[in-house]
Amino acid sequence: MKKFFLSLCLLMVSFAAGAQERLPEVILKDIEGRTVQTDTISNNGKPLVIAFFATWCKPCNRELKSIDELYDDWQRETGVRIVAVSIDQAQNVNKVKPLVDQNGWRYDVLLDPNGELRRALGIQSVPYTLLLDGQGNIVYRHNGYTDGAEAELYEKVKEVAGRQSL
């Protein structure tokens, strides 16, 4: 009986380890006011970066500016799509669109004023970046930003894109 129980436990652990984390089902709005269900966000089989930020977060803004400078090349080489998710609270949501417009960011921008998506993913602080593979599995997480960190992110994006094309 002990062997059976041990085998069952090992089987359950190995199954759980093989399960991939995905975006949870949360309803958000984009900066134009359209409703978006987060578990349906995809990029047609190509890598997807979700970057959590806040208008008041200087490292977040530096990260998104740095990525924006390289975004055309990233898209051309890997097909990556970037979605930025603002965690600004409701009273500051009106500052998001002006910041995006001022910087000329071409990302899709979602608003998470109640922190539902952030909490569902266990995110404590921003900037926080997720990389999803073409099947929607979260394959990389990174918290914080230092100058040059976008190069590490891009290496991960290229790895994922390379696996997709095999």
C-alpha atoms as a PDB file:
ATOM      1  CA  MET A   1       0.000   0.000   0.000  1.00  0.00           C
ATOM      2  CA  LYS A   2       2.860   2.365   0.839  1.00  0.00           C
ATOM      3  CA  LYS A   3       4.435   1.764  -2.581  1.00  0.00           C
ATOM      4  CA  PHE A   4       1.122   2.507  -4.286  1.00  0.00           C
ATOM      5  CA  PHE A   5       0.694   5.735  -2.327  1.00  0.00           C
ATOM      6  CA  LEU A   6       4.290   6.799  -3.025  1.00  0.00           C
ATOM      7  CA  SER A   7       3.869   6.050  -6.736  1.00  0.00           C
ATOM      8  CA  LEU A   8       0.637   8.016  -6.829  1.00  0.00           C
ATOM      9  CA  CYS A   9       2.313  10.999  -5.127  1.00  0.00           C
ATOM     10  CA  LEU A  10       5.245  10.929  -7.550  1.00  0.00           C
ATOM     11  CA  LEU A  11       2.871  10.740 -10.490  1.00  0.00           C
ATOM     12  CA  MET A  12       0.907  13.747  -9.232  1.00  0.00           C
ATOM     13  CA  VAL A  13       4.077  15.784  -8.637  1.00  0.00           C
ATOM     14  CA  SER A  14       5.455  15.003 -12.089  1.00  0.00           C
ATOM     15  CA  PHE A  15       2.113  15.882 -13.678  1.00  0.00           C
ATOM     16  CA  ALA A  16       1.953  19.184 -11.790  1.00  0.00           C
ATOM     17  CA  ALA A  17       5.542  20.010 -12.771  1.00  0.00           C
ATOM     18  CA  GLY A  18       4.648  19.487 -16.418  1.00  0.00           C
ATOM     19  CA  ALA A  19       1.628  21.778 -16.228  1.00  0.00           C
ATOM     20  CA  GLN A  20       2.314  25.167 -17.768  1.00  0.00           C
ATOM     21  CA  GLU A  21       1.180  28.390 -16.160  1.00  0.00           C
ATOM     22  CA  ARG A  22      -1.025  30.541 -18.352  1.00  0.00           C
ATOM     23  CA  LEU A  23      -2.650  33.946 -18.051  1.00  0.00           C
ATOM     24  CA  PRO A  24      -5.655  33.815 -15.724  1.00  0.00           C
ATOM     25  CA  GLU A  25      -9.124  34.834 -16.855  1.00  0.00           C
ATOM     26  CA  VAL A  26      -9.539  38.481 -15.836  1.00  0.00           C
ATOM     27  CA  ILE A  27     -11.599  41.148 -17.584  1.00  0.00           C
ATOM     28  CA  LEU A  28      -9.707  44.415 -18.170  1.00  0.00           C
ATOM     29  CA  LYS A  29     -10.167  47.433 -20.400  1.00  0.00           C
ATOM     30  CA  ASP A  30      -7.711  48.861 -22.906  1.00  0.00           C
ATOM     31  CA  ILE A  31      -6.928  52.584 -22.993  1.00  0.00           C
ATOM     32  CA  GLU A  32      -9.713  53.083 -25.529  1.00  0.00           C
ATOM     33  CA  GLY A  33     -12.260  51.552 -23.133  1.00  0.00           C
ATOM     34  CA  ARG A  34     -12.702  48.223 -24.953  1.00  0.00           C
ATOM     35  CA  THR A  35     -13.085  45.093 -22.833  1.00  0.00           C
ATOM     36  CA  VAL A  36     -10.317  42.472 -23.011  1.00  0.00           C
ATOM     37  CA  GLN A  37     -10.401  39.001 -21.465  1.00  0.00           C
ATOM     38  CA  THR A  38      -6.809  38.309 -20.479  1.00  0.00           C
ATOM     39  CA  ASP A  39      -6.812  34.542 -20.986  1.00  0.00           C
ATOM     40  CA  THR A  40      -7.574  35.113 -24.690  1.00  0.00           C
ATOM     41  CA  ILE A  41      -4.616  37.430 -25.365  1.00  0.00           C
ATOM     42  CA  SER A  42      -2.382  35.778 -27.935  1.00  0.00           C
ATOM     43  CA  ASN A  43       0.054  36.447 -30.759  1.00  0.00           C
ATOM     44  CA  ASN A  44      -0.814  33.879 -33.417  1.00  0.00           C
ATOM     45  CA  GLY A  45       1.745  31.321 -32.251  1.00  0.00           C
ATOM     46  CA  LYS A  46       4.553  33.837 -31.713  1.00  0.00           C
ATOM     47  CA  PRO A  47       6.121  35.159 -28.482  1.00  0.00           C
ATOM     48  CA  LEU A  48       4.135  37.600 -26.351  1.00  0.00           C
ATOM     49  CA  VAL A  49       5.592  39.935 -23.720  1.00  0.00           C
ATOM     50  CA  ILE A  50       3.368  41.304 -20.953  1.00  0.00           C
ATOM     51  CA  ALA A  51       5.003  44.265 -19.206  1.00  0.00           C
ATOM     52  CA  PHE A  52       3.389  45.513 -15.990  1.00  0.00           C
ATOM     53  CA  PHE A  53       4.046  49.192 -15.260  1.00  0.00           C
ATOM     54  CA  ALA A  54       2.716  52.292 -13.527  1.00  0.00           C
ATOM     55  CA  THR A  55       2.845  55.913 -14.673  1.00  0.00           C
ATOM     56  CA  TRP A  56       4.670  56.911 -11.458  1.00  0.00           C
ATOM     57  CA  CYS A  57       7.285  54.132 -11.775  1.00  0.00           C
ATOM     58  CA  LYS A  58      10.525  55.543 -13.244  1.00  0.00           C
ATOM     59  CA  PRO A  59      12.178  52.144 -13.900  1.00  0.00           C
ATOM     60  CA  CYS A  60       8.975  50.971 -15.639  1.00  0.00           C
ATOM     61  CA  ASN A  61       9.003  53.949 -17.950  1.00  0.00           C
ATOM     62  CA  ARG A  62      12.718  53.508 -18.720  1.00  0.00           C
ATOM     63  CA  GLU A  63      12.105  49.846 -19.532  1.00  0.00           C
ATOM     64  CA  LEU A  64       9.193  50.563 -21.875  1.00  0.00           C
ATOM     65  CA  LYS A  65      11.140  53.385 -23.583  1.00  0.00           C
ATOM     66  CA  SER A  66      14.159  51.106 -24.085  1.00  0.00           C
ATOM     67  CA  ILE A  67      12.036  48.322 -25.525  1.00  0.00           C
ATOM     68  CA  ASP A  68      10.163  50.781 -27.759  1.00  0.00           C
ATOM     69  CA  GLU A  69      13.454  51.874 -29.357  1.00  0.00           C
ATOM     70  CA  LEU A  70      14.083  48.244 -30.370  1.00  0.00           C
ATOM     71  CA  TYR A  71      10.501  47.087 -30.925  1.00  0.00           C
ATOM     72  CA  ASP A  72      10.517  47.293 -34.740  1.00  0.00           C
ATOM     73  CA  ASP A  73      13.642  45.124 -34.952  1.00  0.00           C
ATOM     74  CA  TRP A  74      12.254  42.684 -32.362  1.00  0.00           C
ATOM     75  CA  GLN A  75       9.008  42.335 -34.305  1.00  0.00           C
ATOM     76  CA  ARG A  76      10.765  41.898 -37.634  1.00  0.00           C
ATOM     77  CA  GLU A  77      13.127  39.230 -36.263  1.00  0.00           C
ATOM     78  CA  THR A  78      10.787  37.286 -33.957  1.00  0.00           C
ATOM     79  CA  GLY A  79       7.210  38.449 -34.522  1.00  0.00           C
ATOM     80  CA  VAL A  80       6.951  39.312 -30.802  1.00  0.00           C
ATOM     81  CA  ARG A  81       3.993  41.344 -29.572  1.00  0.00           C
ATOM     82  CA  ILE A  82       4.157  43.496 -26.458  1.00  0.00           C
ATOM     83  CA  VAL A  83       1.208  44.257 -24.212  1.00  0.00           C
ATOM     84  CA  ALA A  84       1.766  46.795 -21.440  1.00  0.00           C
ATOM     85  CA  VAL A  85      -0.488  46.539 -18.382  1.00  0.00           C
ATOM     86  CA  SER A  86      -0.874  49.607 -16.192  1.00  0.00           C
ATOM     87  CA  ILE A  87      -1.420  48.923 -12.501  1.00  0.00           C
ATOM     88  CA  ASP A  88      -2.313  52.567 -11.815  1.00  0.00           C
ATOM     89  CA  GLN A  89      -5.261  52.851  -9.459  1.00  0.00           C
ATOM     90  CA  ALA A  90      -8.586  54.226 -10.684  1.00  0.00           C
ATOM     91  CA  GLN A  91      -7.828  57.837  -9.679  1.00  0.00           C
ATOM     92  CA  ASN A  92      -4.657  57.799 -11.849  1.00  0.00           C
ATOM     93  CA  VAL A  93      -5.930  55.837 -14.874  1.00  0.00           C
ATOM     94  CA  ASN A  94      -6.462  59.132 -16.707  1.00  0.00           C
ATOM     95  CA  LYS A  95      -2.645  59.605 -16.715  1.00  0.00           C
ATOM     96  CA  VAL A  96      -1.944  56.402 -18.667  1.00  0.00           C
ATOM     97  CA  LYS A  97      -3.045  57.420 -22.167  1.00  0.00           C
ATOM     98  CA  PRO A  98      -1.180  60.784 -22.060  1.00  0.00           C
ATOM     99  CA  LEU A  99       2.012  58.944 -20.985  1.00  0.00           C
ATOM    100  CA  VAL A 100       1.624  56.385 -23.774  1.00  0.00           C
ATOM    101  CA  ASP A 101       0.902  59.115 -26.354  1.00  0.00           C
ATOM    102  CA  GLN A 102       3.759  61.324 -25.115  1.00  0.00           C
ATOM    103  CA  ASN A 103       6.229  58.449 -25.529  1.00  0.00           C
ATOM    104  CA  GLY A 104       4.733  57.224 -28.802  1.00  0.00           C
ATOM    105  CA  TRP A 105       4.485  53.669 -27.489  1.00  0.00           C
ATOM    106  CA  ARG A 106       2.843  51.358 -30.006  1.00  0.00           C
ATOM    107  CA  TYR A 107       2.096  48.642 -27.487  1.00  0.00           C
ATOM    108  CA  ASP A 108      -1.389  47.468 -26.706  1.00  0.00           C
ATOM    109  CA  VAL A 109      -2.060  48.955 -23.276  1.00  0.00           C
ATOM    110  CA  LEU A 110      -4.434  47.448 -20.734  1.00  0.00           C
ATOM    111  CA  LEU A 111      -5.615  48.916 -17.445  1.00  0.00           C
ATOM    112  CA  ASP A 112      -5.620  46.882 -14.217  1.00  0.00           C
ATOM    113  CA  PRO A 113      -6.813  49.556 -11.739  1.00  0.00           C
ATOM    114  CA  ASN A 114      -8.083  47.044  -9.160  1.00  0.00           C
ATOM    115  CA  GLY A 115      -4.961  44.877  -9.406  1.00  0.00           C
ATOM    116  CA  GLU A 116      -6.927  41.754 -10.341  1.00  0.00           C
ATOM    117  CA  LEU A 117      -4.487  40.460 -12.977  1.00  0.00           C
ATOM    118  CA  ARG A 118      -1.485  41.520 -10.923  1.00  0.00           C
ATOM    119  CA  ARG A 119      -2.754  39.637  -7.851  1.00  0.00           C
ATOM    120  CA  ALA A 120      -3.821  36.573  -9.867  1.00  0.00           C
ATOM    121  CA  LEU A 121      -0.229  36.283 -11.134  1.00  0.00           C
ATOM    122  CA  GLY A 122       1.311  36.912  -7.711  1.00  0.00           C
ATOM    123  CA  ILE A 123       3.051  40.110  -8.802  1.00  0.00           C
ATOM    124  CA  GLN A 124       4.180  42.228  -5.848  1.00  0.00           C
ATOM    125  CA  SER A 125       5.946  45.139  -7.546  1.00  0.00           C
ATOM    126  CA  VAL A 126       6.631  46.721 -10.926  1.00  0.00           C
ATOM    127  CA  PRO A 127       8.228  46.691 -13.365  1.00  0.00           C
ATOM    128  CA  TYR A 128       7.367  43.056 -13.890  1.00  0.00           C
ATOM    129  CA  THR A 129       7.686  41.277 -17.218  1.00  0.00           C
ATOM    130  CA  LEU A 130       6.246  37.993 -18.438  1.00  0.00           C
ATOM    131  CA  LEU A 131       7.162  36.147 -21.622  1.00  0.00           C
ATOM    132  CA  LEU A 132       4.625  33.751 -23.109  1.00  0.00           C
ATOM    133  CA  ASP A 133       5.355  31.214 -25.797  1.00  0.00           C
ATOM    134  CA  GLY A 134       3.173  30.803 -28.872  1.00  0.00           C
ATOM    135  CA  GLN A 135       0.827  28.459 -26.989  1.00  0.00           C
ATOM    136  CA  GLY A 136       0.209  31.010 -24.227  1.00  0.00           C
ATOM    137  CA  ASN A 137       2.407  29.361 -21.590  1.00  0.00           C
ATOM    138  CA  ILE A 138       4.344  31.667 -19.274  1.00  0.00           C
ATOM    139  CA  VAL A 139       7.967  30.672 -19.876  1.00  0.00           C
ATOM    140  CA  TYR A 140       9.877  33.561 -18.273  1.00  0.00           C
ATOM    141  CA  ARG A 141       9.316  36.094 -15.486  1.00  0.00           C
ATOM    142  CA  HIS A 142      11.437  39.086 -14.531  1.00  0.00           C
ATOM    143  CA  ASN A 143      10.979  41.629 -11.759  1.00  0.00           C
ATOM    144  CA  GLY A 144      12.666  45.022 -11.786  1.00  0.00           C
ATOM    145  CA  TYR A 145      14.630  46.880 -14.424  1.00  0.00           C
ATOM    146  CA  THR A 146      18.206  47.999 -14.827  1.00  0.00           C
ATOM    147  CA  ASP A 147      19.593  49.612 -17.957  1.00  0.00           C
ATOM    148  CA  GLY A 148      20.348  46.890 -20.487  1.00  0.00           C
ATOM    149  CA  ALA A 149      17.884  44.340 -19.054  1.00  0.00           C
ATOM    150  CA  GLU A 150      15.953  44.521 -22.316  1.00  0.00           C
ATOM    151  CA  ALA A 151      18.850  42.659 -23.985  1.00  0.00           C
ATOM    152  CA  GLU A 152      18.323  39.682 -21.651  1.00  0.00           C
ATOM    153  CA  LEU A 153      14.592  39.789 -22.374  1.00  0.00           C
ATOM    154  CA  TYR A 154      15.251  39.827 -26.098  1.00  0.00           C
ATOM    155  CA  GLU A 155      17.547  36.788 -25.813  1.00  0.00           C
ATOM    156  CA  LYS A 156      14.653  34.939 -24.126  1.00  0.00           C
ATOM    157  CA  VAL A 157      12.249  36.128 -26.846  1.00  0.00           C
ATOM    158  CA  LYS A 158      14.611  34.817 -29.539  1.00  0.00           C
ATOM    159  CA  GLU A 159      14.877  31.442 -27.750  1.00  0.00           C
ATOM    160  CA  VAL A 160      11.087  31.155 -27.655  1.00  0.00           C
ATOM    161  CA  ALA A 161      10.737  32.273 -31.275  1.00  0.00           C
ATOM    162  CA  GLY A 162      13.386  29.729 -32.307  1.00  0.00           C
ATOM    163  CA  ARG A 163      11.505  26.920 -30.584  1.00  0.00           C
ATOM    164  CA  GLN A 164       8.283  28.001 -32.269  1.00  0.00           C
ATOM    165  CA  SER A 165       9.803  27.766 -35.744  1.00  0.00           C
ATOM    166  CA  LEU A 166      11.110  24.206 -35.267  1.00  0.00           C
END
